[in-house]
């Protein structure tokens, strides 16, 4: 029973939710470059079904200074496994790291 549920999960859609809190001294140009480069990964890495993002606009003030949320939908587990070590993803991280204060990531299968 357990192995069949694993097989089902391996073929299931995965949502990869990434939220960023940038350093206080990050420039708007640096942040815009992160937005552009993250968004461009959809056309560079196979297996990404969709990639959407936006700026926090919640009136609840519970975002803990995280301002950007990106949601990457992978067709399956194999696509996520391709994405994480992919050279284009690693290149993006090099752009992000100097201005990143904090990040959190949650993945789930809807």
PDB file of N, CA and C in Angstrom:
ATOM      1  N   UNK A   1       0.831  -1.194   0.000  1.00  0.00           N
ATOM      2  CA  UNK A   1       0.000   0.000   0.000  1.00  0.00           C
ATOM      3  C   UNK A   1       0.871   1.252   0.000  1.00  0.00           C
ATOM      4  N   UNK A   2       1.881   1.289   0.839  1.00  0.00           N
ATOM      5  CA  UNK A   2       2.733   2.476   0.921  1.00  0.00           C
ATOM      6  C   UNK A   2       3.437   2.751  -0.409  1.00  0.00           C
ATOM      7  N   UNK A   3       3.941   1.720  -1.080  1.00  0.00           N
ATOM      8  CA  UNK A   3       4.662   1.940  -2.333  1.00  0.00           C
ATOM      9  C   UNK A   3       3.732   2.449  -3.431  1.00  0.00           C
ATOM     10  N   UNK A   4       2.473   2.026  -3.433  1.00  0.00           N
ATOM     11  CA  UNK A   4       1.561   2.523  -4.457  1.00  0.00           C
ATOM     12  C   UNK A   4       1.242   4.001  -4.235  1.00  0.00           C
ATOM     13  N   UNK A   5       1.150   4.433  -2.968  1.00  0.00           N
ATOM     14  CA  UNK A   5       0.909   5.855  -2.726  1.00  0.00           C
ATOM     15  C   UNK A   5       2.133   6.668  -3.136  1.00  0.00           C
ATOM     16  N   UNK A   6       3.337   6.108  -2.943  1.00  0.00           N
ATOM     17  CA  UNK A   6       4.543   6.801  -3.405  1.00  0.00           C
ATOM     18  C   UNK A   6       4.546   6.937  -4.910  1.00  0.00           C
ATOM     19  N   UNK A   7       4.165   5.901  -5.609  1.00  0.00           N
ATOM     20  CA  UNK A   7       4.126   5.944  -7.071  1.00  0.00           C
ATOM     21  C   UNK A   7       3.138   7.014  -7.532  1.00  0.00           C
ATOM     22  N   UNK A   8       2.005   7.085  -6.865  1.00  0.00           N
ATOM     23  CA  UNK A   8       1.015   8.100  -7.211  1.00  0.00           C
ATOM     24  C   UNK A   8       1.592   9.498  -6.965  1.00  0.00           C
ATOM     25  N   UNK A   9       2.254   9.701  -5.827  1.00  0.00           N
ATOM     26  CA  UNK A   9       2.830  11.004  -5.512  1.00  0.00           C
ATOM     27  C   UNK A   9       3.920  11.387  -6.505  1.00  0.00           C
ATOM     28  N   UNK A  10       4.685  10.421  -6.994  1.00  0.00           N
ATOM     29  CA  UNK A  10       5.755  10.709  -7.948  1.00  0.00           C
ATOM     30  C   UNK A  10       5.222  11.290  -9.250  1.00  0.00           C
ATOM     31  N   UNK A  11       3.972  10.978  -9.586  1.00  0.00           N
ATOM     32  CA  UNK A  11       3.379  11.479 -10.827  1.00  0.00           C
ATOM     33  C   UNK A  11       2.463  12.675 -10.590  1.00  0.00           C
ATOM     34  N   UNK A  12       2.427  13.172  -9.369  1.00  0.00           N
ATOM     35  CA  UNK A  12       1.492  14.231  -9.013  1.00  0.00           C
ATOM     36  C   UNK A  12       2.120  15.609  -9.177  1.00  0.00           C
ATOM     37  N   UNK A  13       1.276  16.566  -9.479  1.00  0.00           N
ATOM     38  CA  UNK A  13       1.666  17.965  -9.552  1.00  0.00           C
ATOM     39  C   UNK A  13       2.275  18.410  -8.224  1.00  0.00           C
ATOM     40  N   UNK A  14       3.301  19.234  -8.302  1.00  0.00           N
ATOM     41  CA  UNK A  14       3.924  19.786  -7.097  1.00  0.00           C
ATOM     42  C   UNK A  14       3.949  21.302  -7.193  1.00  0.00           C
ATOM     43  N   UNK A  15       3.472  21.958  -6.158  1.00  0.00           N
ATOM     44  CA  UNK A  15       3.569  23.411  -6.066  1.00  0.00           C
ATOM     45  C   UNK A  15       4.751  23.734  -5.152  1.00  0.00           C
ATOM     46  N   UNK A  16       5.605  24.619  -5.636  1.00  0.00           N
ATOM     47  CA  UNK A  16       6.827  25.030  -4.949  1.00  0.00           C
ATOM     48  C   UNK A  16       6.646  26.510  -4.628  1.00  0.00           C
ATOM     49  N   UNK A  17       6.416  26.820  -3.350  1.00  0.00           N
ATOM     50  CA  UNK A  17       6.119  28.182  -2.916  1.00  0.00           C
ATOM     51  C   UNK A  17       7.370  28.748  -2.245  1.00  0.00           C
ATOM     52  N   UNK A  18       7.842  29.880  -2.769  1.00  0.00           N
ATOM     53  CA  UNK A  18       9.083  30.495  -2.286  1.00  0.00           C
ATOM     54  C   UNK A  18       8.788  31.947  -1.942  1.00  0.00           C
ATOM     55  N   UNK A  19       9.121  32.343  -0.718  1.00  0.00           N
ATOM     56  CA  UNK A  19       8.904  33.726  -0.294  1.00  0.00           C
ATOM     57  C   UNK A  19      10.223  34.348   0.137  1.00  0.00           C
ATOM     58  N   UNK A  20      10.428  35.591  -0.301  1.00  0.00           N
ATOM     59  CA  UNK A  20      11.683  36.291  -0.043  1.00  0.00           C
ATOM     60  C   UNK A  20      11.475  37.505   0.843  1.00  0.00           C
ATOM     61  N   UNK A  21      12.454  37.708   1.721  1.00  0.00           N
ATOM     62  CA  UNK A  21      12.592  38.948   2.485  1.00  0.00           C
ATOM     63  C   UNK A  21      13.965  39.490   2.090  1.00  0.00           C
ATOM     64  N   UNK A  22      13.978  40.665   1.500  1.00  0.00           N
ATOM     65  CA  UNK A  22      15.234  41.234   1.014  1.00  0.00           C
ATOM     66  C   UNK A  22      15.912  42.082   2.080  1.00  0.00           C
ATOM     67  N   UNK A  23      17.224  42.209   1.963  1.00  0.00           N
ATOM     68  CA  UNK A  23      17.995  43.065   2.861  1.00  0.00           C
ATOM     69  C   UNK A  23      17.526  44.511   2.707  1.00  0.00           C
ATOM     70  N   UNK A  24      17.650  45.270   3.788  1.00  0.00           N
ATOM     71  CA  UNK A  24      17.227  46.674   3.777  1.00  0.00           C
ATOM     72  C   UNK A  24      17.942  47.483   2.702  1.00  0.00           C
ATOM     73  N   UNK A  25      19.206  47.152   2.437  1.00  0.00           N
ATOM     74  CA  UNK A  25      19.978  47.938   1.473  1.00  0.00           C
ATOM     75  C   UNK A  25      19.891  47.406   0.037  1.00  0.00           C
ATOM     76  N   UNK A  26      19.013  46.441  -0.207  1.00  0.00           N
ATOM     77  CA  UNK A  26      18.832  45.939  -1.574  1.00  0.00           C
ATOM     78  C   UNK A  26      18.220  47.052  -2.429  1.00  0.00           C
ATOM     79  N   UNK A  27      18.813  47.293  -3.593  1.00  0.00           N
ATOM     80  CA  UNK A  27      18.296  48.344  -4.476  1.00  0.00           C
ATOM     81  C   UNK A  27      17.100  47.828  -5.270  1.00  0.00           C
ATOM     82  N   UNK A  28      16.289  48.756  -5.749  1.00  0.00           N
ATOM     83  CA  UNK A  28      15.136  48.350  -6.569  1.00  0.00           C
ATOM     84  C   UNK A  28      15.606  47.651  -7.843  1.00  0.00           C
ATOM     85  N   UNK A  29      16.746  48.064  -8.402  1.00  0.00           N
ATOM     86  CA  UNK A  29      17.286  47.395  -9.591  1.00  0.00           C
ATOM     87  C   UNK A  29      17.669  45.952  -9.285  1.00  0.00           C
ATOM     88  N   UNK A  30      18.290  45.725  -8.142  1.00  0.00           N
ATOM     89  CA  UNK A  30      18.669  44.359  -7.757  1.00  0.00           C
ATOM     90  C   UNK A  30      17.423  43.488  -7.567  1.00  0.00           C
ATOM     91  N   UNK A  31      16.414  44.028  -6.928  1.00  0.00           N
ATOM     92  CA  UNK A  31      15.176  43.272  -6.696  1.00  0.00           C
ATOM     93  C   UNK A  31      14.473  42.991  -8.019  1.00  0.00           C
ATOM     94  N   UNK A  32      14.439  43.981  -8.906  1.00  0.00           N
ATOM     95  CA  UNK A  32      13.822  43.764 -10.223  1.00  0.00           C
ATOM     96  C   UNK A  32      14.553  42.677 -11.004  1.00  0.00           C
ATOM     97  N   UNK A  33      15.867  42.622 -10.869  1.00  0.00           N
ATOM     98  CA  UNK A  33      16.632  41.575 -11.553  1.00  0.00           C
ATOM     99  C   UNK A  33      16.250  40.200 -11.010  1.00  0.00           C
ATOM    100  N   UNK A  34      16.068  40.078  -9.701  1.00  0.00           N
ATOM    101  CA  UNK A  34      15.621  38.814  -9.107  1.00  0.00           C
ATOM    102  C   UNK A  34      14.250  38.433  -9.662  1.00  0.00           C
ATOM    103  N   UNK A  35      13.337  39.392  -9.714  1.00  0.00           N
ATOM    104  CA  UNK A  35      11.994  39.120 -10.249  1.00  0.00           C
ATOM    105  C   UNK A  35      12.075  38.607 -11.686  1.00  0.00           C
ATOM    106  N   UNK A  36      12.850  39.285 -12.507  1.00  0.00           N
ATOM    107  CA  UNK A  36      12.979  38.930 -13.921  1.00  0.00           C
ATOM    108  C   UNK A  36      13.636  37.562 -14.096  1.00  0.00           C
ATOM    109  N   UNK A  37      14.733  37.352 -13.372  1.00  0.00           N
ATOM    110  CA  UNK A  37      15.483  36.105 -13.541  1.00  0.00           C
ATOM    111  C   UNK A  37      14.719  34.899 -13.001  1.00  0.00           C
ATOM    112  N   UNK A  38      14.002  35.069 -11.900  1.00  0.00           N
ATOM    113  CA  UNK A  38      13.211  33.958 -11.381  1.00  0.00           C
ATOM    114  C   UNK A  38      12.115  33.626 -12.393  1.00  0.00           C
ATOM    115  N   UNK A  39      11.419  34.643 -12.877  1.00  0.00           N
ATOM    116  CA  UNK A  39      10.354  34.428 -13.854  1.00  0.00           C
ATOM    117  C   UNK A  39      10.832  33.754 -15.130  1.00  0.00           C
ATOM    118  N   UNK A  40      12.074  34.043 -15.516  1.00  0.00           N
ATOM    119  CA  UNK A  40      12.631  33.476 -16.754  1.00  0.00           C
ATOM    120  C   UNK A  40      12.929  31.985 -16.636  1.00  0.00           C
ATOM    121  N   UNK A  41      12.992  31.460 -15.423  1.00  0.00           N
ATOM    122  CA  UNK A  41      13.305  30.033 -15.260  1.00  0.00           C
ATOM    123  C   UNK A  41      12.257  29.137 -15.913  1.00  0.00           C
ATOM    124  N   UNK A  42      11.025  29.624 -16.022  1.00  0.00           N
ATOM    125  CA  UNK A  42       9.959  28.821 -16.634  1.00  0.00           C
ATOM    126  C   UNK A  42      10.337  28.400 -18.051  1.00  0.00           C
ATOM    127  N   UNK A  43      11.005  29.275 -18.779  1.00  0.00           N
ATOM    128  CA  UNK A  43      11.369  28.971 -20.170  1.00  0.00           C
ATOM    129  C   UNK A  43      12.748  28.342 -20.300  1.00  0.00           C
ATOM    130  N   UNK A  44      13.435  28.158 -19.185  1.00  0.00           N
ATOM    131  CA  UNK A  44      14.787  27.608 -19.224  1.00  0.00           C
ATOM    132  C   UNK A  44      14.871  26.179 -18.703  1.00  0.00           C
ATOM    133  N   UNK A  45      13.953  25.802 -17.821  1.00  0.00           N
ATOM    134  CA  UNK A  45      14.034  24.502 -17.156  1.00  0.00           C
ATOM    135  C   UNK A  45      12.784  23.688 -17.498  1.00  0.00           C
ATOM    136  N   UNK A  46      12.973  22.490 -18.028  1.00  0.00           N
ATOM    137  CA  UNK A  46      11.813  21.676 -18.404  1.00  0.00           C
ATOM    138  C   UNK A  46      11.027  21.193 -17.185  1.00  0.00           C
ATOM    139  N   UNK A  47       9.742  20.965 -17.376  1.00  0.00           N
ATOM    140  CA  UNK A  47       8.908  20.408 -16.324  1.00  0.00           C
ATOM    141  C   UNK A  47       8.182  21.435 -15.477  1.00  0.00           C
ATOM    142  N   UNK A  48       8.411  22.725 -15.760  1.00  0.00           N
ATOM    143  CA  UNK A  48       7.675  23.772 -15.046  1.00  0.00           C
ATOM    144  C   UNK A  48       6.380  24.024 -15.803  1.00  0.00           C
ATOM    145  N   UNK A  49       5.280  23.716 -15.159  1.00  0.00           N
ATOM    146  CA  UNK A  49       3.969  23.897 -15.755  1.00  0.00           C
ATOM    147  C   UNK A  49       3.575  25.371 -15.760  1.00  0.00           C
ATOM    148  N   UNK A  50       3.846  26.043 -14.638  1.00  0.00           N
ATOM    149  CA  UNK A  50       3.554  27.469 -14.546  1.00  0.00           C
ATOM    150  C   UNK A  50       4.451  28.094 -13.487  1.00  0.00           C
ATOM    151  N   UNK A  51       4.630  29.397 -13.607  1.00  0.00           N
ATOM    152  CA  UNK A  51       5.393  30.163 -12.625  1.00  0.00           C
ATOM    153  C   UNK A  51       4.708  31.508 -12.495  1.00  0.00           C
ATOM    154  N   UNK A  52       4.230  31.788 -11.316  1.00  0.00           N
ATOM    155  CA  UNK A  52       3.603  33.086 -11.077  1.00  0.00           C
ATOM    156  C   UNK A  52       4.165  33.674  -9.801  1.00  0.00           C
ATOM    157  N   UNK A  53       4.070  34.985  -9.704  1.00  0.00           N
ATOM    158  CA  UNK A  53       4.609  35.641  -8.515  1.00  0.00           C
ATOM    159  C   UNK A  53       3.911  36.976  -8.323  1.00  0.00           C
ATOM    160  N   UNK A  54       4.094  37.486  -7.134  1.00  0.00           N
ATOM    161  CA  UNK A  54       3.537  38.794  -6.845  1.00  0.00           C
ATOM    162  C   UNK A  54       4.105  39.340  -5.553  1.00  0.00           C
ATOM    163  N   UNK A  55       3.760  40.595  -5.311  1.00  0.00           N
ATOM    164  CA  UNK A  55       4.164  41.290  -4.089  1.00  0.00           C
ATOM    165  C   UNK A  55       3.075  41.123  -3.040  1.00  0.00           C
ATOM    166  N   UNK A  56       3.489  41.003  -1.787  1.00  0.00           N
ATOM    167  CA  UNK A  56       2.524  40.889  -0.711  1.00  0.00           C
ATOM    168  C   UNK A  56       1.580  42.090  -0.725  1.00  0.00           C
ATOM    169  N   UNK A  57       0.287  41.816  -0.648  1.00  0.00           N
ATOM    170  CA  UNK A  57      -0.683  42.904  -0.522  1.00  0.00           C
ATOM    171  C   UNK A  57      -1.736  42.584   0.543  1.00  0.00           C
ATOM    172  N   UNK A  58      -1.373  41.693   1.469  1.00  0.00           N
ATOM    173  CA  UNK A  58      -2.297  41.317   2.531  1.00  0.00           C
ATOM    174  C   UNK A  58      -2.463  42.461   3.530  1.00  0.00           C
ATOM    175  N   UNK A  59      -3.691  42.757   3.914  1.00  0.00           N
ATOM    176  CA  UNK A  59      -3.921  43.796   4.922  1.00  0.00           C
ATOM    177  C   UNK A  59      -3.685  43.298   6.350  1.00  0.00           C
ATOM    178  N   UNK A  60      -3.395  41.999   6.531  1.00  0.00           N
ATOM    179  CA  UNK A  60      -3.280  41.438   7.875  1.00  0.00           C
ATOM    180  C   UNK A  60      -1.961  41.755   8.569  1.00  0.00           C
ATOM    181  N   UNK A  61      -0.954  42.158   7.801  1.00  0.00           N
ATOM    182  CA  UNK A  61       0.362  42.493   8.356  1.00  0.00           C
ATOM    183  C   UNK A  61       0.980  41.306   9.108  1.00  0.00           C
ATOM    184  N   UNK A  62       0.859  40.108   8.511  1.00  0.00           N
ATOM    185  CA  UNK A  62       1.415  38.895   9.101  1.00  0.00           C
ATOM    186  C   UNK A  62       2.527  38.304   8.231  1.00  0.00           C
ATOM    187  N   UNK A  63       3.047  39.090   7.297  1.00  0.00           N
ATOM    188  CA  UNK A  63       4.030  38.586   6.332  1.00  0.00           C
ATOM    189  C   UNK A  63       5.464  38.581   6.853  1.00  0.00           C
ATOM    190  N   UNK A  64       5.679  39.058   8.083  1.00  0.00           N
ATOM    191  CA  UNK A  64       7.010  39.030   8.718  1.00  0.00           C
ATOM    192  C   UNK A  64       8.093  39.637   7.830  1.00  0.00           C
ATOM    193  N   UNK A  65       7.732  40.706   7.134  1.00  0.00           N
ATOM    194  CA  UNK A  65       8.633  41.459   6.263  1.00  0.00           C
ATOM    195  C   UNK A  65       9.010  40.720   4.975  1.00  0.00           C
ATOM    196  N   UNK A  66       8.385  39.587   4.706  1.00  0.00           N
ATOM    197  CA  UNK A  66       8.551  38.927   3.401  1.00  0.00           C
ATOM    198  C   UNK A  66       7.680  39.677   2.413  1.00  0.00           C
ATOM    199  N   UNK A  67       8.253  40.032   1.280  1.00  0.00           N
ATOM    200  CA  UNK A  67       7.537  40.884   0.328  1.00  0.00           C
ATOM    201  C   UNK A  67       7.158  40.182  -0.972  1.00  0.00           C
ATOM    202  N   UNK A  68       7.933  39.169  -1.370  1.00  0.00           N
ATOM    203  CA  UNK A  68       7.749  38.523  -2.662  1.00  0.00           C
ATOM    204  C   UNK A  68       7.379  37.059  -2.488  1.00  0.00           C
ATOM    205  N   UNK A  69       6.382  36.608  -3.244  1.00  0.00           N
ATOM    206  CA  UNK A  69       5.994  35.201  -3.235  1.00  0.00           C
ATOM    207  C   UNK A  69       5.999  34.688  -4.673  1.00  0.00           C
ATOM    208  N   UNK A  70       6.687  33.592  -4.881  1.00  0.00           N
ATOM    209  CA  UNK A  70       6.744  32.924  -6.181  1.00  0.00           C
ATOM    210  C   UNK A  70       6.136  31.539  -6.021  1.00  0.00           C
ATOM    211  N   UNK A  71       5.309  31.140  -6.980  1.00  0.00           N
ATOM    212  CA  UNK A  71       4.739  29.792  -6.969  1.00  0.00           C
ATOM    213  C   UNK A  71       5.097  29.123  -8.294  1.00  0.00           C
ATOM    214  N   UNK A  72       5.908  28.075  -8.181  1.00  0.00           N
ATOM    215  CA  UNK A  72       6.320  27.296  -9.347  1.00  0.00           C
ATOM    216  C   UNK A  72       5.546  25.987  -9.288  1.00  0.00           C
ATOM    217  N   UNK A  73       4.847  25.654 -10.371  1.00  0.00           N
ATOM    218  CA  UNK A  73       4.139  24.382 -10.436  1.00  0.00           C
ATOM    219  C   UNK A  73       4.929  23.437 -11.330  1.00  0.00           C
ATOM    220  N   UNK A  74       5.329  22.322 -10.739  1.00  0.00           N
ATOM    221  CA  UNK A  74       6.056  21.286 -11.478  1.00  0.00           C
ATOM    222  C   UNK A  74       5.079  20.193 -11.888  1.00  0.00           C
ATOM    223  N   UNK A  75       5.303  19.629 -13.070  1.00  0.00           N
ATOM    224  CA  UNK A  75       4.403  18.578 -13.546  1.00  0.00           C
ATOM    225  C   UNK A  75       4.462  17.349 -12.655  1.00  0.00           C
ATOM    226  N   UNK A  76       5.621  17.094 -12.037  1.00  0.00           N
ATOM    227  CA  UNK A  76       5.760  15.925 -11.171  1.00  0.00           C
ATOM    228  C   UNK A  76       7.063  16.021 -10.373  1.00  0.00           C
ATOM    229  N   UNK A  77       7.318  14.992  -9.574  1.00  0.00           N
ATOM    230  CA  UNK A  77       8.509  14.952  -8.731  1.00  0.00           C
ATOM    231  C   UNK A  77       9.788  14.987  -9.564  1.00  0.00           C
ATOM    232  N   UNK A  78       9.786  14.309 -10.698  1.00  0.00           N
ATOM    233  CA  UNK A  78      10.972  14.286 -11.556  1.00  0.00           C
ATOM    234  C   UNK A  78      11.336  15.710 -12.005  1.00  0.00           C
ATOM    235  N   UNK A  79      10.327  16.516 -12.309  1.00  0.00           N
ATOM    236  CA  UNK A  79      10.575  17.898 -12.735  1.00  0.00           C
ATOM    237  C   UNK A  79      11.202  18.708 -11.606  1.00  0.00           C
ATOM    238  N   UNK A  80      10.734  18.493 -10.371  1.00  0.00           N
ATOM    239  CA  UNK A  80      11.334  19.202  -9.237  1.00  0.00           C
ATOM    240  C   UNK A  80      12.779  18.747  -9.045  1.00  0.00           C
ATOM    241  N   UNK A  81      13.022  17.477  -9.200  1.00  0.00           N
ATOM    242  CA  UNK A  81      14.384  16.947  -9.056  1.00  0.00           C
ATOM    243  C   UNK A  81      15.317  17.508 -10.131  1.00  0.00           C
ATOM    244  N   UNK A  82      14.782  17.791 -11.305  1.00  0.00           N
ATOM    245  CA  UNK A  82      15.566  18.411 -12.379  1.00  0.00           C
ATOM    246  C   UNK A  82      15.854  19.870 -12.058  1.00  0.00           C
ATOM    247  N   UNK A  83      14.854  20.562 -11.534  1.00  0.00           N
ATOM    248  CA  UNK A  83      14.926  22.002 -11.270  1.00  0.00           C
ATOM    249  C   UNK A  83      15.961  22.368 -10.204  1.00  0.00           C
ATOM    250  N   UNK A  84      15.919  21.691  -9.063  1.00  0.00           N
ATOM    251  CA  UNK A  84      16.724  22.107  -7.919  1.00  0.00           C
ATOM    252  C   UNK A  84      18.217  22.210  -8.229  1.00  0.00           C
ATOM    253  N   UNK A  85      18.848  21.197  -8.868  1.00  0.00           N
ATOM    254  CA  UNK A  85      20.279  21.307  -9.164  1.00  0.00           C
ATOM    255  C   UNK A  85      20.580  21.912 -10.540  1.00  0.00           C
ATOM    256  N   UNK A  86      19.549  22.323 -11.271  1.00  0.00           N
ATOM    257  CA  UNK A  86      19.734  22.812 -12.652  1.00  0.00           C
ATOM    258  C   UNK A  86      20.670  24.029 -12.675  1.00  0.00           C
ATOM    259  N   UNK A  87      21.587  24.095 -13.647  1.00  0.00           N
ATOM    260  CA  UNK A  87      22.526  25.234 -13.725  1.00  0.00           C
ATOM    261  C   UNK A  87      21.839  26.604 -13.786  1.00  0.00           C
ATOM    262  N   UNK A  88      20.699  26.699 -14.454  1.00  0.00           N
ATOM    263  CA  UNK A  88      20.000  27.989 -14.519  1.00  0.00           C
ATOM    264  C   UNK A  88      19.407  28.368 -13.158  1.00  0.00           C
ATOM    265  N   UNK A  89      18.964  27.384 -12.387  1.00  0.00           N
ATOM    266  CA  UNK A  89      18.474  27.654 -11.039  1.00  0.00           C
ATOM    267  C   UNK A  89      19.638  28.092 -10.147  1.00  0.00           C
ATOM    268  N   UNK A  90      20.766  27.420 -10.268  1.00  0.00           N
ATOM    269  CA  UNK A  90      21.952  27.778  -9.477  1.00  0.00           C
ATOM    270  C   UNK A  90      22.453  29.181  -9.841  1.00  0.00           C
ATOM    271  N   UNK A  91      22.384  29.542 -11.132  1.00  0.00           N
ATOM    272  CA  UNK A  91      22.796  30.883 -11.569  1.00  0.00           C
ATOM    273  C   UNK A  91      21.867  31.937 -10.966  1.00  0.00           C
ATOM    274  N   UNK A  92      20.578  31.621 -10.907  1.00  0.00           N
ATOM    275  CA  UNK A  92      19.614  32.537 -10.302  1.00  0.00           C
ATOM    276  C   UNK A  92      19.935  32.752  -8.817  1.00  0.00           C
ATOM    277  N   UNK A  93      20.263  31.684  -8.108  1.00  0.00           N
ATOM    278  CA  UNK A  93      20.575  31.780  -6.680  1.00  0.00           C
ATOM    279  C   UNK A  93      21.773  32.704  -6.452  1.00  0.00           C
ATOM    280  N   UNK A  94      22.736  32.697  -7.368  1.00  0.00           N
ATOM    281  CA  UNK A  94      23.903  33.591  -7.237  1.00  0.00           C
ATOM    282  C   UNK A  94      23.498  35.056  -7.340  1.00  0.00           C
ATOM    283  N   UNK A  95      22.479  35.352  -8.122  1.00  0.00           N
ATOM    284  CA  UNK A  95      21.960  36.716  -8.250  1.00  0.00           C
ATOM    285  C   UNK A  95      21.187  37.102  -6.979  1.00  0.00           C
ATOM    286  N   UNK A  96      20.458  36.149  -6.454  1.00  0.00           N
ATOM    287  CA  UNK A  96      19.591  36.376  -5.299  1.00  0.00           C
ATOM    288  C   UNK A  96      20.360  36.542  -3.985  1.00  0.00           C
ATOM    289  N   UNK A  97      21.318  35.672  -3.740  1.00  0.00           N
ATOM    290  CA  UNK A  97      21.947  35.574  -2.411  1.00  0.00           C
ATOM    291  C   UNK A  97      22.491  36.878  -1.844  1.00  0.00           C
ATOM    292  N   UNK A  98      23.159  37.724  -2.631  1.00  0.00           N
ATOM    293  CA  UNK A  98      23.732  38.934  -2.042  1.00  0.00           C
ATOM    294  C   UNK A  98      22.708  39.900  -1.437  1.00  0.00           C
ATOM    295  N   UNK A  99      21.456  39.830  -1.886  1.00  0.00           N
ATOM    296  CA  UNK A  99      20.457  40.775  -1.380  1.00  0.00           C
ATOM    297  C   UNK A  99      19.380  40.095  -0.533  1.00  0.00           C
ATOM    298  N   UNK A 100      19.519  38.792  -0.322  1.00  0.00           N
ATOM    299  CA  UNK A 100      18.510  38.030   0.404  1.00  0.00           C
ATOM    300  C   UNK A 100      18.753  38.095   1.907  1.00  0.00           C
ATOM    301  N   UNK A 101      17.728  38.516   2.650  1.00  0.00           N
ATOM    302  CA  UNK A 101      17.798  38.511   4.108  1.00  0.00           C
ATOM    303  C   UNK A 101      17.279  37.179   4.638  1.00  0.00           C
ATOM    304  N   UNK A 102      16.161  36.691   4.072  1.00  0.00           N
ATOM    305  CA  UNK A 102      15.580  35.442   4.534  1.00  0.00           C
ATOM    306  C   UNK A 102      14.693  34.871   3.429  1.00  0.00           C
ATOM    307  N   UNK A 103      14.466  33.569   3.512  1.00  0.00           N
ATOM    308  CA  UNK A 103      13.626  32.876   2.533  1.00  0.00           C
ATOM    309  C   UNK A 103      12.901  31.753   3.247  1.00  0.00           C
ATOM    310  N   UNK A 104      11.696  31.449   2.794  1.00  0.00           N
ATOM    311  CA  UNK A 104      11.098  30.184   3.209  1.00  0.00           C
ATOM    312  C   UNK A 104      10.461  29.536   2.005  1.00  0.00           C
ATOM    313  N   UNK A 105      10.493  28.211   2.037  1.00  0.00           N
ATOM    314  CA  UNK A 105      10.011  27.413   0.918  1.00  0.00           C
ATOM    315  C   UNK A 105       9.072  26.350   1.474  1.00  0.00           C
ATOM    316  N   UNK A 106       7.934  26.214   0.829  1.00  0.00           N
ATOM    317  CA  UNK A 106       6.993  25.140   1.146  1.00  0.00           C
ATOM    318  C   UNK A 106       6.570  24.505  -0.168  1.00  0.00           C
ATOM    319  N   UNK A 107       6.696  23.197  -0.250  1.00  0.00           N
ATOM    320  CA  UNK A 107       6.227  22.458  -1.418  1.00  0.00           C
ATOM    321  C   UNK A 107       5.041  21.599  -0.983  1.00  0.00           C
ATOM    322  N   UNK A 108       4.071  21.463  -1.895  1.00  0.00           N
ATOM    323  CA  UNK A 108       2.929  20.605  -1.583  1.00  0.00           C
ATOM    324  C   UNK A 108       2.322  20.084  -2.867  1.00  0.00           C
ATOM    325  N   UNK A 109       1.578  19.012  -2.720  1.00  0.00           N
ATOM    326  CA  UNK A 109       0.815  18.441  -3.824  1.00  0.00           C
ATOM    327  C   UNK A 109      -0.651  18.750  -3.561  1.00  0.00           C
ATOM    328  N   UNK A 110      -1.262  19.567  -4.444  1.00  0.00           N
ATOM    329  CA  UNK A 110      -2.666  19.943  -4.214  1.00  0.00           C
ATOM    330  C   UNK A 110      -3.625  18.776  -4.449  1.00  0.00           C
TER     331      UNK A 110
END
